Amino acid sequence: MNPSDPTQSTETIDRLTTTRGAVMSSTSKTESVQRHPTAFRRLLARHPLATFLALVYVIYTAMAFVPALAHHAFPYDLPLWVAVGHLFGVAVPAVVVTWLADGREGVRDLARRCTRWRVAPRWYVASLIAMPVAFLLLAIVAIGDGPLDLLGDHWARLFTNVLPYLALSILLFNVAEEIGWMGFFHARVQERYTALKACAVVAFPFAIFHLPDFLVDAGWSVANIGPALAYLVFMTFFLFFLRVILVWLYNNTGGSVLIVGLFHSSFNTAVSRMSVDFLSGPTVGFLLASSIVIVAAVVIIVRTRGRLGYDRLRAFAGR
């Protein structure tokens, strides 16, 4: 280029201006896309609860039909499809929908609540020890000395069967389940309604979530529609009381999903493992454990006047 040629200087300036404008336009478009997500994403973000339920029902139910997941890969006949379903069909959708609705900060908040372990020791007692102890005491009262005799004769089963089952439930099943159902779904419903009403709202969709478990055992056939509906009605009733205890633990621990998952695991361990080792089977075990849950939930409702510790959760959030 000849510096003395004004024509060349003008052309150079025009090219630089055009290039700079193109770069700025490209940057502006990128920022616009980031600020203005697609219509589909906006739709999902506006309806996070419905989006979560749709993903959970589709993915979790689909897992039951995957042949590679149909076998029992874990000890104690724990099904592989349920473990994979809880992770990819409940926990992962909770994270994805949280990101869509609340962005990275929302995901970080969910992660903090899921890993909140610094709580008072009494909440570990309530979540891990209270149910097994109450279960055995009620079994002795209702059945007699049989469970106590079995416990005395086979106490080692507590360490070879019960504790390993509890550990598997915590690591593979119920904590992942509550990441979605408490950490995402129930927590959001509780923000819209009172704590007690939220339990009633969550109970029915939570019962629907358990239908594939029932149908895998009973069989996917037209003949089981009636039993499935009866199962759904009963589970909705029972799960209302279970959610009362779970949300009470959640609220009083400042939103610890971990503590909720621990209690859920201890309940399942009492029903599915302790009943086999020290009682006549899971049916009796479920009746005893569900009785404990219902009575405890009623006591909590009365003592907290239906608040279920929600004031403590708000106080914790305001710190």
C-alpha atoms as a PDB file:
ATOM      1  CA  MET A   1       0.000   0.000   0.000  1.00  0.00           C
ATOM      2  CA  ASN A   2       1.240   3.476  -0.857  1.00  0.00           C
ATOM      3  CA  PRO A   3       0.748   5.753   2.225  1.00  0.00           C
ATOM      4  CA  SER A   4       0.541   8.762  -0.018  1.00  0.00           C
ATOM      5  CA  ASP A   5      -2.386   7.329  -1.976  1.00  0.00           C
ATOM      6  CA  PRO A   6      -5.598   8.588  -0.286  1.00  0.00           C
ATOM      7  CA  THR A   7      -7.728   6.153  -2.269  1.00  0.00           C
ATOM      8  CA  GLN A   8      -5.938   3.129  -0.833  1.00  0.00           C
ATOM      9  CA  SER A   9      -6.174   4.568   2.690  1.00  0.00           C
ATOM     10  CA  THR A  10      -9.918   5.043   2.332  1.00  0.00           C
ATOM     11  CA  GLU A  11     -10.398   1.474   1.040  1.00  0.00           C
ATOM     12  CA  THR A  12      -8.366   0.080   3.940  1.00  0.00           C
ATOM     13  CA  ILE A  13     -10.419   1.981   6.485  1.00  0.00           C
ATOM     14  CA  ASP A  14     -13.633   0.720   4.875  1.00  0.00           C
ATOM     15  CA  ARG A  15     -12.414  -2.896   5.017  1.00  0.00           C
ATOM     16  CA  LEU A  16     -11.412  -2.565   8.684  1.00  0.00           C
ATOM     17  CA  THR A  17     -14.761  -1.010   9.526  1.00  0.00           C
ATOM     18  CA  THR A  18     -16.643  -3.750   7.699  1.00  0.00           C
ATOM     19  CA  THR A  19     -14.614  -6.504   9.403  1.00  0.00           C
ATOM     20  CA  ARG A  20     -15.092  -4.933  12.832  1.00  0.00           C
ATOM     21  CA  GLY A  21     -18.797  -4.603  12.187  1.00  0.00           C
ATOM     22  CA  ALA A  22     -19.029  -8.277  11.180  1.00  0.00           C
ATOM     23  CA  VAL A  23     -17.216  -9.369  14.352  1.00  0.00           C
ATOM     24  CA  MET A  24     -19.438  -7.183  16.522  1.00  0.00           C
ATOM     25  CA  SER A  25     -22.508  -8.514  14.722  1.00  0.00           C
ATOM     26  CA  SER A  26     -21.378 -12.098  15.288  1.00  0.00           C
ATOM     27  CA  THR A  27     -20.716 -11.422  18.982  1.00  0.00           C
ATOM     28  CA  SER A  28     -24.056  -9.681  19.299  1.00  0.00           C
ATOM     29  CA  LYS A  29     -25.825 -12.680  17.776  1.00  0.00           C
ATOM     30  CA  THR A  30     -24.043 -15.067  20.165  1.00  0.00           C
ATOM     31  CA  GLU A  31     -25.001 -12.956  23.162  1.00  0.00           C
ATOM     32  CA  SER A  32     -28.551 -12.730  21.849  1.00  0.00           C
ATOM     33  CA  VAL A  33     -28.810 -16.524  21.619  1.00  0.00           C
ATOM     34  CA  GLN A  34     -27.491 -16.860  25.188  1.00  0.00           C
ATOM     35  CA  ARG A  35     -29.888 -14.232  26.500  1.00  0.00           C
ATOM     36  CA  HIS A  36     -32.835 -15.509  24.510  1.00  0.00           C
ATOM     37  CA  PRO A  37     -33.086 -19.309  24.672  1.00  0.00           C
ATOM     38  CA  THR A  38     -35.141 -21.254  22.184  1.00  0.00           C
ATOM     39  CA  ALA A  39     -38.911 -21.343  22.468  1.00  0.00           C
ATOM     40  CA  PHE A  40     -38.753 -25.015  23.458  1.00  0.00           C
ATOM     41  CA  ARG A  41     -36.361 -24.318  26.307  1.00  0.00           C
ATOM     42  CA  ARG A  42     -38.495 -21.394  27.483  1.00  0.00           C
ATOM     43  CA  LEU A  43     -41.528 -23.692  27.499  1.00  0.00           C
ATOM     44  CA  LEU A  44     -39.722 -26.274  29.631  1.00  0.00           C
ATOM     45  CA  ALA A  45     -38.407 -23.581  31.975  1.00  0.00           C
ATOM     46  CA  ARG A  46     -41.901 -22.167  32.461  1.00  0.00           C
ATOM     47  CA  HIS A  47     -43.268 -25.588  33.451  1.00  0.00           C
ATOM     48  CA  PRO A  48     -40.458 -27.261  35.420  1.00  0.00           C
ATOM     49  CA  LEU A  49     -42.697 -29.545  37.490  1.00  0.00           C
ATOM     50  CA  ALA A  50     -44.561 -30.929  34.492  1.00  0.00           C
ATOM     51  CA  THR A  51     -41.291 -31.306  32.580  1.00  0.00           C
ATOM     52  CA  PHE A  52     -39.726 -33.214  35.467  1.00  0.00           C
ATOM     53  CA  LEU A  53     -42.697 -35.583  35.794  1.00  0.00           C
ATOM     54  CA  ALA A  54     -42.781 -36.272  32.062  1.00  0.00           C
ATOM     55  CA  LEU A  55     -39.072 -37.111  31.986  1.00  0.00           C
ATOM     56  CA  VAL A  56     -39.258 -39.252  35.120  1.00  0.00           C
ATOM     57  CA  TYR A  57     -42.268 -41.293  34.039  1.00  0.00           C
ATOM     58  CA  VAL A  58     -40.957 -41.918  30.521  1.00  0.00           C
ATOM     59  CA  ILE A  59     -37.338 -42.704  31.413  1.00  0.00           C
ATOM     60  CA  TYR A  60     -38.006 -44.704  34.586  1.00  0.00           C
ATOM     61  CA  THR A  61     -40.719 -46.823  32.967  1.00  0.00           C
ATOM     62  CA  ALA A  62     -38.558 -47.376  29.880  1.00  0.00           C
ATOM     63  CA  MET A  63     -35.804 -48.791  32.091  1.00  0.00           C
ATOM     64  CA  ALA A  64     -38.129 -51.635  33.090  1.00  0.00           C
ATOM     65  CA  PHE A  65     -38.271 -52.813  29.466  1.00  0.00           C
ATOM     66  CA  VAL A  66     -34.510 -52.864  28.808  1.00  0.00           C
ATOM     67  CA  PRO A  67     -33.508 -56.557  28.714  1.00  0.00           C
ATOM     68  CA  ALA A  68     -29.947 -55.835  29.819  1.00  0.00           C
ATOM     69  CA  LEU A  69     -31.287 -54.224  33.013  1.00  0.00           C
ATOM     70  CA  ALA A  70     -33.865 -56.899  33.823  1.00  0.00           C
ATOM     71  CA  HIS A  71     -31.585 -59.180  35.823  1.00  0.00           C
ATOM     72  CA  HIS A  72     -30.767 -58.761  39.509  1.00  0.00           C
ATOM     73  CA  ALA A  73     -27.174 -57.598  39.440  1.00  0.00           C
ATOM     74  CA  PHE A  74     -26.911 -56.773  43.138  1.00  0.00           C
ATOM     75  CA  PRO A  75     -27.145 -58.914  46.277  1.00  0.00           C
ATOM     76  CA  TYR A  76     -30.517 -59.456  47.995  1.00  0.00           C
ATOM     77  CA  ASP A  77     -32.284 -59.566  44.596  1.00  0.00           C
ATOM     78  CA  LEU A  78     -32.043 -55.807  44.188  1.00  0.00           C
ATOM     79  CA  PRO A  79     -33.005 -55.036  40.563  1.00  0.00           C
ATOM     80  CA  LEU A  80     -30.509 -53.323  38.288  1.00  0.00           C
ATOM     81  CA  TRP A  81     -33.186 -51.421  36.350  1.00  0.00           C
ATOM     82  CA  VAL A  82     -34.424 -49.677  39.494  1.00  0.00           C
ATOM     83  CA  ALA A  83     -30.927 -48.506  40.429  1.00  0.00           C
ATOM     84  CA  VAL A  84     -30.266 -47.217  36.907  1.00  0.00           C
ATOM     85  CA  GLY A  85     -33.778 -45.760  36.798  1.00  0.00           C
ATOM     86  CA  HIS A  86     -33.297 -43.816  40.009  1.00  0.00           C
ATOM     87  CA  LEU A  87     -30.061 -42.316  38.737  1.00  0.00           C
ATOM     88  CA  PHE A  88     -30.921 -41.552  35.110  1.00  0.00           C
ATOM     89  CA  GLY A  89     -34.701 -41.434  35.466  1.00  0.00           C
ATOM     90  CA  VAL A  90     -34.961 -39.270  38.610  1.00  0.00           C
ATOM     91  CA  ALA A  91     -31.709 -37.612  39.683  1.00  0.00           C
ATOM     92  CA  VAL A  92     -30.493 -36.630  36.212  1.00  0.00           C
ATOM     93  CA  PRO A  93     -33.855 -35.130  35.112  1.00  0.00           C
ATOM     94  CA  ALA A  94     -33.881 -33.093  38.331  1.00  0.00           C
ATOM     95  CA  VAL A  95     -30.472 -31.621  37.481  1.00  0.00           C
ATOM     96  CA  VAL A  96     -31.386 -31.000  33.837  1.00  0.00           C
ATOM     97  CA  VAL A  97     -34.697 -29.270  34.584  1.00  0.00           C
ATOM     98  CA  THR A  98     -33.082 -27.240  37.369  1.00  0.00           C
ATOM     99  CA  TRP A  99     -30.493 -26.023  34.862  1.00  0.00           C
ATOM    100  CA  LEU A 100     -33.197 -25.155  32.347  1.00  0.00           C
ATOM    101  CA  ALA A 101     -35.280 -23.272  34.915  1.00  0.00           C
ATOM    102  CA  ASP A 102     -32.655 -21.718  37.199  1.00  0.00           C
ATOM    103  CA  GLY A 103     -29.328 -21.973  35.410  1.00  0.00           C
ATOM    104  CA  ARG A 104     -26.009 -22.903  36.957  1.00  0.00           C
ATOM    105  CA  GLU A 105     -26.789 -21.228  40.272  1.00  0.00           C
ATOM    106  CA  GLY A 106     -29.865 -23.409  40.636  1.00  0.00           C
ATOM    107  CA  VAL A 107     -27.796 -26.533  39.975  1.00  0.00           C
ATOM    108  CA  ARG A 108     -25.239 -25.427  42.554  1.00  0.00           C
ATOM    109  CA  ASP A 109     -28.002 -24.862  45.100  1.00  0.00           C
ATOM    110  CA  LEU A 110     -29.424 -28.338  44.420  1.00  0.00           C
ATOM    111  CA  ALA A 111     -25.953 -29.851  44.830  1.00  0.00           C
ATOM    112  CA  ARG A 112     -25.455 -28.046  48.139  1.00  0.00           C
ATOM    113  CA  ARG A 113     -28.735 -29.366  49.502  1.00  0.00           C
ATOM    114  CA  CYS A 114     -28.001 -32.889  48.310  1.00  0.00           C
ATOM    115  CA  THR A 115     -24.639 -32.954  50.092  1.00  0.00           C
ATOM    116  CA  ARG A 116     -25.636 -31.111  53.263  1.00  0.00           C
ATOM    117  CA  TRP A 117     -24.286 -33.428  55.943  1.00  0.00           C
ATOM    118  CA  ARG A 118     -23.436 -30.975  58.716  1.00  0.00           C
ATOM    119  CA  VAL A 119     -26.591 -31.319  60.759  1.00  0.00           C
ATOM    120  CA  ALA A 120     -27.200 -32.037  64.437  1.00  0.00           C
ATOM    121  CA  PRO A 121     -26.509 -35.686  65.428  1.00  0.00           C
ATOM    122  CA  ARG A 122     -30.150 -36.187  66.457  1.00  0.00           C
ATOM    123  CA  TRP A 123     -31.179 -36.000  62.800  1.00  0.00           C
ATOM    124  CA  TYR A 124     -28.886 -38.897  61.943  1.00  0.00           C
ATOM    125  CA  VAL A 125     -30.492 -40.819  64.780  1.00  0.00           C
ATOM    126  CA  ALA A 126     -33.948 -39.932  63.466  1.00  0.00           C
ATOM    127  CA  SER A 127     -33.089 -40.860  59.889  1.00  0.00           C
ATOM    128  CA  LEU A 128     -31.024 -44.016  60.398  1.00  0.00           C
ATOM    129  CA  ILE A 129     -31.793 -45.573  63.785  1.00  0.00           C
ATOM    130  CA  ALA A 130     -35.326 -44.582  64.786  1.00  0.00           C
ATOM    131  CA  MET A 131     -37.147 -46.687  62.176  1.00  0.00           C
ATOM    132  CA  PRO A 132     -35.283 -50.002  62.726  1.00  0.00           C
ATOM    133  CA  VAL A 133     -35.607 -49.713  66.510  1.00  0.00           C
ATOM    134  CA  ALA A 134     -39.308 -48.805  66.376  1.00  0.00           C
ATOM    135  CA  PHE A 135     -39.821 -51.601  63.845  1.00  0.00           C
ATOM    136  CA  LEU A 136     -38.375 -54.263  66.135  1.00  0.00           C
ATOM    137  CA  LEU A 137     -40.210 -52.938  69.203  1.00  0.00           C
ATOM    138  CA  LEU A 138     -43.557 -52.929  67.404  1.00  0.00           C
ATOM    139  CA  ALA A 139     -42.877 -56.410  66.038  1.00  0.00           C
ATOM    140  CA  ILE A 140     -42.297 -57.702  69.581  1.00  0.00           C
ATOM    141  CA  VAL A 141     -45.497 -56.039  70.822  1.00  0.00           C
ATOM    142  CA  ALA A 142     -47.604 -57.222  67.895  1.00  0.00           C
ATOM    143  CA  ILE A 143     -46.184 -60.706  67.337  1.00  0.00           C
ATOM    144  CA  GLY A 144     -44.553 -61.713  70.603  1.00  0.00           C
ATOM    145  CA  ASP A 145     -41.054 -62.792  71.499  1.00  0.00           C
ATOM    146  CA  GLY A 146     -40.403 -64.484  68.141  1.00  0.00           C
ATOM    147  CA  PRO A 147     -38.595 -61.532  66.521  1.00  0.00           C
ATOM    148  CA  LEU A 148     -36.565 -60.969  69.688  1.00  0.00           C
ATOM    149  CA  ASP A 149     -35.565 -64.655  69.803  1.00  0.00           C
ATOM    150  CA  LEU A 150     -34.544 -64.555  66.141  1.00  0.00           C
ATOM    151  CA  LEU A 151     -32.535 -61.407  66.748  1.00  0.00           C
ATOM    152  CA  GLY A 152     -30.786 -63.066  69.693  1.00  0.00           C
ATOM    153  CA  ASP A 153     -30.042 -66.249  67.742  1.00  0.00           C
ATOM    154  CA  HIS A 154     -29.059 -64.555  64.508  1.00  0.00           C
ATOM    155  CA  TRP A 155     -27.737 -61.168  65.603  1.00  0.00           C
ATOM    156  CA  ALA A 156     -24.897 -61.475  63.083  1.00  0.00           C
ATOM    157  CA  ARG A 157     -27.463 -60.892  60.314  1.00  0.00           C
ATOM    158  CA  LEU A 158     -27.524 -57.265  61.348  1.00  0.00           C
ATOM    159  CA  PHE A 159     -23.976 -56.997  59.992  1.00  0.00           C
ATOM    160  CA  THR A 160     -24.093 -59.518  57.150  1.00  0.00           C
ATOM    161  CA  ASN A 161     -27.549 -58.658  55.767  1.00  0.00           C
ATOM    162  CA  VAL A 162     -29.179 -55.560  57.240  1.00  0.00           C
ATOM    163  CA  LEU A 163     -26.282 -53.083  57.167  1.00  0.00           C
ATOM    164  CA  PRO A 164     -25.081 -54.078  53.654  1.00  0.00           C
ATOM    165  CA  TYR A 165     -28.663 -53.781  52.388  1.00  0.00           C
ATOM    166  CA  LEU A 166     -28.923 -50.338  53.992  1.00  0.00           C
ATOM    167  CA  ALA A 167     -25.633 -49.267  52.405  1.00  0.00           C
ATOM    168  CA  LEU A 168     -26.766 -50.401  48.954  1.00  0.00           C
ATOM    169  CA  SER A 169     -30.077 -48.597  49.389  1.00  0.00           C
ATOM    170  CA  ILE A 170     -28.279 -45.383  50.281  1.00  0.00           C
ATOM    171  CA  LEU A 171     -25.660 -45.554  47.542  1.00  0.00           C
ATOM    172  CA  LEU A 172     -27.738 -46.893  44.646  1.00  0.00           C
ATOM    173  CA  PHE A 173     -31.395 -46.184  45.250  1.00  0.00           C
ATOM    174  CA  ASN A 174     -33.044 -43.837  47.712  1.00  0.00           C
ATOM    175  CA  VAL A 175     -30.673 -40.872  47.884  1.00  0.00           C
ATOM    176  CA  ALA A 176     -30.780 -40.597  44.078  1.00  0.00           C
ATOM    177  CA  GLU A 177     -34.563 -40.970  44.240  1.00  0.00           C
ATOM    178  CA  GLU A 178     -34.887 -38.118  46.732  1.00  0.00           C
ATOM    179  CA  ILE A 179     -32.571 -35.854  44.750  1.00  0.00           C
ATOM    180  CA  GLY A 180     -35.444 -35.635  42.322  1.00  0.00           C
ATOM    181  CA  TRP A 181     -38.506 -36.085  44.478  1.00  0.00           C
ATOM    182  CA  MET A 182     -37.478 -33.992  47.490  1.00  0.00           C
ATOM    183  CA  GLY A 183     -34.597 -31.862  46.251  1.00  0.00           C
ATOM    184  CA  PHE A 184     -36.434 -30.770  43.122  1.00  0.00           C
ATOM    185  CA  PHE A 185     -40.130 -31.644  43.035  1.00  0.00           C
ATOM    186  CA  HIS A 186     -41.322 -31.522  46.654  1.00  0.00           C
ATOM    187  CA  ALA A 187     -39.184 -28.489  47.474  1.00  0.00           C
ATOM    188  CA  ARG A 188     -40.756 -26.524  44.620  1.00  0.00           C
ATOM    189  CA  VAL A 189     -44.283 -27.621  45.462  1.00  0.00           C
ATOM    190  CA  GLN A 190     -43.724 -26.566  49.081  1.00  0.00           C
ATOM    191  CA  GLU A 191     -42.856 -23.051  47.850  1.00  0.00           C
ATOM    192  CA  ARG A 192     -46.307 -22.800  46.236  1.00  0.00           C
ATOM    193  CA  TYR A 193     -48.451 -24.315  48.986  1.00  0.00           C
ATOM    194  CA  THR A 194     -48.324 -24.885  52.716  1.00  0.00           C
ATOM    195  CA  ALA A 195     -46.006 -27.653  53.891  1.00  0.00           C
ATOM    196  CA  LEU A 196     -48.883 -30.012  54.688  1.00  0.00           C
ATOM    197  CA  LYS A 197     -50.766 -29.369  51.458  1.00  0.00           C
ATOM    198  CA  ALA A 198     -47.569 -29.943  49.502  1.00  0.00           C
ATOM    199  CA  CYS A 199     -47.396 -33.472  50.920  1.00  0.00           C
ATOM    200  CA  ALA A 200     -50.909 -34.142  49.628  1.00  0.00           C
ATOM    201  CA  VAL A 201     -50.022 -32.718  46.217  1.00  0.00           C
ATOM    202  CA  VAL A 202     -46.831 -34.786  45.907  1.00  0.00           C
ATOM    203  CA  ALA A 203     -48.310 -38.086  47.161  1.00  0.00           C
ATOM    204  CA  PHE A 204     -50.244 -38.925  43.981  1.00  0.00           C
ATOM    205  CA  PRO A 205     -47.488 -38.331  41.374  1.00  0.00           C
ATOM    206  CA  PHE A 206     -45.065 -40.100  43.719  1.00  0.00           C
ATOM    207  CA  ALA A 207     -47.441 -43.079  43.826  1.00  0.00           C
ATOM    208  CA  ILE A 208     -47.635 -43.135  40.017  1.00  0.00           C
ATOM    209  CA  PHE A 209     -43.842 -43.254  39.963  1.00  0.00           C
ATOM    210  CA  HIS A 210     -43.975 -46.555  41.897  1.00  0.00           C
ATOM    211  CA  LEU A 211     -46.427 -48.227  39.512  1.00  0.00           C
ATOM    212  CA  PRO A 212     -43.712 -49.766  37.280  1.00  0.00           C
ATOM    213  CA  ASP A 213     -42.262 -51.511  40.355  1.00  0.00           C
ATOM    214  CA  PHE A 214     -45.652 -53.097  41.031  1.00  0.00           C
ATOM    215  CA  LEU A 215     -46.267 -54.053  37.397  1.00  0.00           C
ATOM    216  CA  VAL A 216     -42.827 -55.579  36.924  1.00  0.00           C
ATOM    217  CA  ASP A 217     -43.624 -57.973  39.779  1.00  0.00           C
ATOM    218  CA  ALA A 218     -47.318 -58.509  38.963  1.00  0.00           C
ATOM    219  CA  GLY A 219     -46.987 -58.524  35.182  1.00  0.00           C
ATOM    220  CA  TRP A 220     -47.779 -56.007  32.452  1.00  0.00           C
ATOM    221  CA  SER A 221     -51.211 -57.329  31.493  1.00  0.00           C
ATOM    222  CA  VAL A 222     -54.798 -56.096  31.236  1.00  0.00           C
ATOM    223  CA  ALA A 223     -55.751 -58.450  34.066  1.00  0.00           C
ATOM    224  CA  ASN A 224     -53.625 -56.394  36.465  1.00  0.00           C
ATOM    225  CA  ILE A 225     -55.273 -53.041  35.744  1.00  0.00           C
ATOM    226  CA  GLY A 226     -57.643 -53.441  38.705  1.00  0.00           C
ATOM    227  CA  PRO A 227     -54.914 -54.416  41.186  1.00  0.00           C
ATOM    228  CA  ALA A 228     -52.732 -51.610  39.833  1.00  0.00           C
ATOM    229  CA  LEU A 229     -55.459 -49.033  40.463  1.00  0.00           C
ATOM    230  CA  ALA A 230     -55.995 -50.391  43.973  1.00  0.00           C
ATOM    231  CA  TYR A 231     -52.251 -50.217  44.537  1.00  0.00           C
ATOM    232  CA  LEU A 232     -52.229 -46.615  43.308  1.00  0.00           C
ATOM    233  CA  VAL A 233     -55.024 -45.593  45.700  1.00  0.00           C
ATOM    234  CA  PHE A 234     -53.402 -47.257  48.693  1.00  0.00           C
ATOM    235  CA  MET A 235     -49.940 -45.897  47.906  1.00  0.00           C
ATOM    236  CA  THR A 236     -51.292 -42.357  47.505  1.00  0.00           C
ATOM    237  CA  PHE A 237     -52.817 -42.643  50.977  1.00  0.00           C
ATOM    238  CA  PHE A 238     -49.688 -44.101  52.566  1.00  0.00           C
ATOM    239  CA  LEU A 239     -47.173 -41.913  50.755  1.00  0.00           C
ATOM    240  CA  PHE A 240     -48.881 -38.779  52.051  1.00  0.00           C
ATOM    241  CA  PHE A 241     -47.796 -39.775  55.574  1.00  0.00           C
ATOM    242  CA  LEU A 242     -44.339 -40.800  54.404  1.00  0.00           C
ATOM    243  CA  ARG A 243     -43.861 -37.450  52.674  1.00  0.00           C
ATOM    244  CA  VAL A 244     -44.877 -35.699  55.920  1.00  0.00           C
ATOM    245  CA  ILE A 245     -41.967 -37.318  57.745  1.00  0.00           C
ATOM    246  CA  LEU A 246     -39.555 -36.756  54.875  1.00  0.00           C
ATOM    247  CA  VAL A 247     -40.374 -33.067  54.475  1.00  0.00           C
ATOM    248  CA  TRP A 248     -40.252 -32.606  58.256  1.00  0.00           C
ATOM    249  CA  LEU A 249     -36.688 -33.969  58.205  1.00  0.00           C
ATOM    250  CA  TYR A 250     -35.863 -31.832  55.173  1.00  0.00           C
ATOM    251  CA  ASN A 251     -37.162 -28.605  56.703  1.00  0.00           C
ATOM    252  CA  ASN A 252     -35.555 -29.109  60.102  1.00  0.00           C
ATOM    253  CA  THR A 253     -32.136 -29.823  58.635  1.00  0.00           C
ATOM    254  CA  GLY A 254     -32.077 -26.725  56.476  1.00  0.00           C
ATOM    255  CA  GLY A 255     -32.977 -28.643  53.333  1.00  0.00           C
ATOM    256  CA  SER A 256     -30.744 -31.718  53.615  1.00  0.00           C
ATOM    257  CA  VAL A 257     -31.726 -34.126  50.854  1.00  0.00           C
ATOM    258  CA  LEU A 258     -29.107 -36.512  52.228  1.00  0.00           C
ATOM    259  CA  ILE A 259     -30.942 -36.909  55.552  1.00  0.00           C
ATOM    260  CA  VAL A 260     -34.195 -37.520  53.661  1.00  0.00           C
ATOM    261  CA  GLY A 261     -32.519 -40.215  51.584  1.00  0.00           C
ATOM    262  CA  LEU A 262     -31.127 -41.872  54.708  1.00  0.00           C
ATOM    263  CA  PHE A 263     -34.558 -42.169  56.299  1.00  0.00           C
ATOM    264  CA  HIS A 264     -36.075 -43.469  53.072  1.00  0.00           C
ATOM    265  CA  SER A 265     -33.325 -46.090  52.947  1.00  0.00           C
ATOM    266  CA  SER A 266     -33.844 -47.143  56.563  1.00  0.00           C
ATOM    267  CA  PHE A 267     -37.583 -47.535  55.947  1.00  0.00           C
ATOM    268  CA  ASN A 268     -36.987 -49.722  52.890  1.00  0.00           C
ATOM    269  CA  THR A 269     -34.394 -51.743  54.789  1.00  0.00           C
ATOM    270  CA  ALA A 270     -36.853 -52.451  57.586  1.00  0.00           C
ATOM    271  CA  VAL A 271     -39.544 -53.532  55.129  1.00  0.00           C
ATOM    272  CA  SER A 272     -37.459 -55.522  52.666  1.00  0.00           C
ATOM    273  CA  ARG A 273     -34.578 -56.904  54.746  1.00  0.00           C
ATOM    274  CA  MET A 274     -35.314 -56.907  58.480  1.00  0.00           C
ATOM    275  CA  SER A 275     -38.737 -58.425  57.854  1.00  0.00           C
ATOM    276  CA  VAL A 276     -37.094 -61.331  56.013  1.00  0.00           C
ATOM    277  CA  ASP A 277     -34.427 -61.941  58.656  1.00  0.00           C
ATOM    278  CA  PHE A 278     -36.490 -61.458  61.812  1.00  0.00           C
ATOM    279  CA  LEU A 279     -40.159 -61.701  60.786  1.00  0.00           C
ATOM    280  CA  SER A 280     -42.293 -63.835  58.463  1.00  0.00           C
ATOM    281  CA  GLY A 281     -41.722 -61.688  55.351  1.00  0.00           C
ATOM    282  CA  PRO A 282     -42.083 -58.274  53.641  1.00  0.00           C
ATOM    283  CA  THR A 283     -45.895 -58.170  53.864  1.00  0.00           C
ATOM    284  CA  VAL A 284     -45.901 -58.213  57.653  1.00  0.00           C
ATOM    285  CA  GLY A 285     -42.910 -55.915  57.626  1.00  0.00           C
ATOM    286  CA  PHE A 286     -44.677 -53.349  55.457  1.00  0.00           C
ATOM    287  CA  LEU A 287     -47.760 -53.385  57.689  1.00  0.00           C
ATOM    288  CA  LEU A 288     -45.635 -52.751  60.757  1.00  0.00           C
ATOM    289  CA  ALA A 289     -43.410 -50.098  59.153  1.00  0.00           C
ATOM    290  CA  SER A 290     -46.336 -48.279  57.534  1.00  0.00           C
ATOM    291  CA  SER A 291     -48.144 -48.216  60.897  1.00  0.00           C
ATOM    292  CA  ILE A 292     -45.111 -46.562  62.459  1.00  0.00           C
ATOM    293  CA  VAL A 293     -44.947 -44.006  59.631  1.00  0.00           C
ATOM    294  CA  ILE A 294     -48.645 -43.116  59.873  1.00  0.00           C
ATOM    295  CA  VAL A 295     -48.587 -42.684  63.667  1.00  0.00           C
ATOM    296  CA  ALA A 296     -45.344 -40.689  63.587  1.00  0.00           C
ATOM    297  CA  ALA A 297     -46.679 -38.469  60.790  1.00  0.00           C
ATOM    298  CA  VAL A 298     -49.877 -37.714  62.697  1.00  0.00           C
ATOM    299  CA  VAL A 299     -47.844 -36.794  65.790  1.00  0.00           C
ATOM    300  CA  ILE A 300     -45.626 -34.499  63.696  1.00  0.00           C
ATOM    301  CA  ILE A 301     -48.646 -32.827  62.087  1.00  0.00           C
ATOM    302  CA  VAL A 302     -50.250 -32.175  65.475  1.00  0.00           C
ATOM    303  CA  ARG A 303     -47.081 -31.010  67.226  1.00  0.00           C
ATOM    304  CA  THR A 304     -46.051 -28.663  64.415  1.00  0.00           C
ATOM    305  CA  ARG A 305     -49.633 -27.569  63.661  1.00  0.00           C
ATOM    306  CA  GLY A 306     -49.138 -28.589  60.076  1.00  0.00           C
ATOM    307  CA  ARG A 307     -46.050 -26.423  59.544  1.00  0.00           C
ATOM    308  CA  LEU A 308     -43.707 -29.444  59.453  1.00  0.00           C
ATOM    309  CA  GLY A 309     -40.695 -27.338  60.371  1.00  0.00           C
ATOM    310  CA  TYR A 310     -41.101 -24.990  57.416  1.00  0.00           C
ATOM    311  CA  ASP A 311     -40.331 -21.941  59.584  1.00  0.00           C
ATOM    312  CA  ARG A 312     -36.937 -23.425  60.410  1.00  0.00           C
ATOM    313  CA  LEU A 313     -36.220 -23.935  56.732  1.00  0.00           C
ATOM    314  CA  ARG A 314     -37.020 -20.282  56.014  1.00  0.00           C
ATOM    315  CA  ALA A 315     -34.868 -19.180  58.957  1.00  0.00           C
ATOM    316  CA  PHE A 316     -31.984 -21.276  57.648  1.00  0.00           C
ATOM    317  CA  ALA A 317     -32.360 -19.775  54.178  1.00  0.00           C
ATOM    318  CA  GLY A 318     -32.291 -16.270  55.653  1.00  0.00           C
ATOM    319  CA  ARG A 319     -28.932 -16.680  57.347  1.00  0.00           C
END
